C-alpha atoms as a PDB file:
ATOM      1  CA  MET A   1      -9.345  -8.875 -16.706  1.00  0.00           C
ATOM      2  CA  THR A   2      -6.400 -11.201 -17.250  1.00  0.00           C
ATOM      3  CA  LEU A   3      -7.190 -13.281 -14.192  1.00  0.00           C
ATOM      4  CA  ALA A   4     -10.818 -13.498 -15.248  1.00  0.00           C
ATOM      5  CA  GLY A   5      -9.695 -14.587 -18.709  1.00  0.00           C
ATOM      6  CA  VAL A   6      -7.859 -17.594 -17.291  1.00  0.00           C
ATOM      7  CA  GLY A   7     -10.780 -18.508 -15.046  1.00  0.00           C
ATOM      8  CA  ALA A   8      -9.752 -17.081 -11.672  1.00  0.00           C
ATOM      9  CA  ALA A   9     -12.475 -16.782  -9.080  1.00  0.00           C
ATOM     10  CA  PRO A  10     -13.710 -13.321  -8.056  1.00  0.00           C
ATOM     11  CA  ARG A  11     -12.423 -13.954  -4.542  1.00  0.00           C
ATOM     12  CA  LEU A  12      -8.905 -14.546  -5.874  1.00  0.00           C
ATOM     13  CA  ARG A  13      -8.990 -11.352  -7.947  1.00  0.00           C
ATOM     14  CA  LYS A  14     -10.064  -9.305  -4.937  1.00  0.00           C
ATOM     15  CA  ALA A  15      -7.444 -10.931  -2.708  1.00  0.00           C
ATOM     16  CA  LEU A  16      -4.698 -10.309  -5.252  1.00  0.00           C
ATOM     17  CA  ALA A  17      -5.667  -6.643  -5.613  1.00  0.00           C
ATOM     18  CA  GLY A  18      -5.590  -6.221  -1.838  1.00  0.00           C
ATOM     19  CA  SER A  19      -2.266  -8.010  -1.419  1.00  0.00           C
ATOM     20  CA  GLN A  20      -0.624  -5.975  -4.184  1.00  0.00           C
ATOM     21  CA  ALA A  21      -1.821  -2.751  -2.577  1.00  0.00           C
ATOM     22  CA  LEU A  22      -0.593  -3.950   0.820  1.00  0.00           C
ATOM     23  CA  MET A  23       2.862  -4.744  -0.543  1.00  0.00           C
ATOM     24  CA  THR A  24       3.186  -1.529  -2.526  1.00  0.00           C
ATOM     25  CA  ALA A  25       1.941   0.750   0.249  1.00  0.00           C
ATOM     26  CA  GLY A  26       3.929  -1.141   2.883  1.00  0.00           C
ATOM     27  CA  LEU A  27       7.152  -0.878   0.944  1.00  0.00           C
ATOM     28  CA  GLY A  28       6.502   2.789   0.215  1.00  0.00           C
ATOM     29  CA  THR A  29       5.844   3.706   3.835  1.00  0.00           C
ATOM     30  CA  VAL A  30       8.866   1.761   5.091  1.00  0.00           C
ATOM     31  CA  LEU A  31      11.205   3.338   2.553  1.00  0.00           C
ATOM     32  CA  GLY A  32       9.700   6.784   3.115  1.00  0.00           C
ATOM     33  CA  SER A  33      10.029   6.492   6.879  1.00  0.00           C
ATOM     34  CA  VAL A  34      13.628   5.342   6.612  1.00  0.00           C
ATOM     35  CA  ALA A  35      14.401   8.130   4.152  1.00  0.00           C
ATOM     36  CA  GLY A  36      12.961  10.660   6.595  1.00  0.00           C
ATOM     37  CA  VAL A  37      14.145   9.309   9.945  1.00  0.00           C
ATOM     38  CA  ILE A  38      17.789   8.551   9.156  1.00  0.00           C
ATOM     39  CA  PRO A  39      18.695  12.035   7.876  1.00  0.00           C
ATOM     40  CA  ALA A  40      16.785  13.618  10.771  1.00  0.00           C
ATOM     41  CA  LEU A  41      18.666  11.525  13.330  1.00  0.00           C
ATOM     42  CA  LEU A  42      21.992  12.282  11.653  1.00  0.00           C
ATOM     43  CA  LEU A  43      21.226  16.001  11.623  1.00  0.00           C
ATOM     44  CA  VAL A  44      20.187  16.035  15.268  1.00  0.00           C
ATOM     45  CA  THR A  45      23.266  14.123  16.405  1.00  0.00           C
ATOM     46  CA  ALA A  46      25.587  16.247  14.242  1.00  0.00           C
ATOM     47  CA  THR A  47      24.283  19.481  15.736  1.00  0.00           C
ATOM     48  CA  GLY A  48      24.506  18.155  19.298  1.00  0.00           C
ATOM     49  CA  MET A  49      20.789  18.492  20.005  1.00  0.00           C
ATOM     50  CA  ALA A  50      20.302  14.782  20.709  1.00  0.00           C
ATOM     51  CA  ARG A  51      18.962  15.353  24.234  1.00  0.00           C
ATOM     52  CA  ALA A  52      16.377  17.908  23.127  1.00  0.00           C
ATOM     53  CA  ALA A  53      15.129  15.911  20.134  1.00  0.00           C
ATOM     54  CA  VAL A  54      11.897  13.978  20.416  1.00  0.00           C
ATOM     55  CA  MET A  55      11.043  11.405  17.770  1.00  0.00           C
ATOM     56  CA  PRO A  56       7.342  10.611  17.288  1.00  0.00           C
ATOM     57  CA  TRP A  57       7.848   6.840  17.297  1.00  0.00           C
ATOM     58  CA  LEU A  58       4.193   6.103  18.050  1.00  0.00           C
ATOM     59  CA  HIS A  59       3.047   8.228  15.112  1.00  0.00           C
ATOM     60  CA  LEU A  60       5.550   6.591  12.784  1.00  0.00           C
ATOM     61  CA  ALA A  61       4.435   3.130  13.873  1.00  0.00           C
ATOM     62  CA  ALA A  62       0.786   4.081  13.345  1.00  0.00           C
ATOM     63  CA  LEU A  63       1.665   5.408   9.893  1.00  0.00           C
ATOM     64  CA  LEU A  64       3.493   2.199   9.010  1.00  0.00           C
ATOM     65  CA  LEU A  65       0.400   0.193   9.911  1.00  0.00           C
ATOM     66  CA  ALA A  66      -2.497   2.451   8.924  1.00  0.00           C
ATOM     67  CA  VAL A  67      -1.466   3.414   5.382  1.00  0.00           C
ATOM     68  CA  PRO A  68      -0.824  -0.098   3.989  1.00  0.00           C
ATOM     69  CA  LEU A  69      -3.839  -1.634   5.732  1.00  0.00           C
ATOM     70  CA  THR A  70      -6.137   1.142   4.541  1.00  0.00           C
ATOM     71  CA  GLY A  71      -4.843   0.840   0.987  1.00  0.00           C
ATOM     72  CA  ALA A  72      -5.275  -2.936   0.966  1.00  0.00           C
ATOM     73  CA  ALA A  73      -8.784  -2.699   2.403  1.00  0.00           C
ATOM     74  CA  LEU A  74      -9.830  -0.099  -0.160  1.00  0.00           C
ATOM     75  CA  ALA A  75      -8.320  -2.060  -3.042  1.00  0.00           C
ATOM     76  CA  TRP A  76     -10.140  -5.186  -1.909  1.00  0.00           C
ATOM     77  CA  LEU A  77     -13.367  -3.282  -1.396  1.00  0.00           C
ATOM     78  CA  PHE A  78     -13.418  -1.525  -4.771  1.00  0.00           C
ATOM     79  CA  THR A  79     -12.243  -4.433  -6.930  1.00  0.00           C
ATOM     80  CA  ARG A  80     -15.227  -5.708  -8.873  1.00  0.00           C
ATOM     81  CA  ALA A  81     -16.221  -9.277  -8.215  1.00  0.00           C
ATOM     82  CA  LYS A  82     -18.055  -9.611 -11.509  1.00  0.00           C
ATOM     83  CA  LEU A  83     -16.556  -8.097 -14.603  1.00  0.00           C
ATOM     84  CA  PRO A  84     -18.733  -6.527 -17.294  1.00  0.00           C
ATOM     85  CA  VAL A  85     -19.406  -8.780 -20.248  1.00  0.00           C
ATOM     86  CA  SER A  86     -18.689  -7.152 -23.573  1.00  0.00           C
ATOM     87  CA  ARG A  87     -20.859  -8.055 -26.533  1.00  0.00           C
ATOM     88  CA  ARG A  88     -19.522  -8.649 -29.958  1.00  0.00           C
ATOM     89  CA  GLU A  89     -20.713  -6.445 -32.736  1.00  0.00           C
ATOM     90  CA  VAL A  90     -22.731  -8.030 -35.509  1.00  0.00           C
ATOM     91  CA  GLY A  91     -20.511  -9.272 -38.300  1.00  0.00           C
ATOM     92  CA  THR A  92     -17.276  -9.646 -36.359  1.00  0.00           C
END
């Protein structure tokens, strides 16, 4: 609504919604992955099970790509291009 109020094009509003979702989801998945992987690696090395441990690197990489891209695509898709016009009441 604010961008529309200053005259931003619908394309810009949709692009901004998608980019904000991409940044937020990307940062969240990176921080979440780091918060999960580092303690797991420390625990495995501390217990001496480093040779038996298998890290799902491919799954983590897919997660780091799929979640932010899906969120950005959905935000772009569901952001309205045309905003509803509100009517003033009579006498105001």
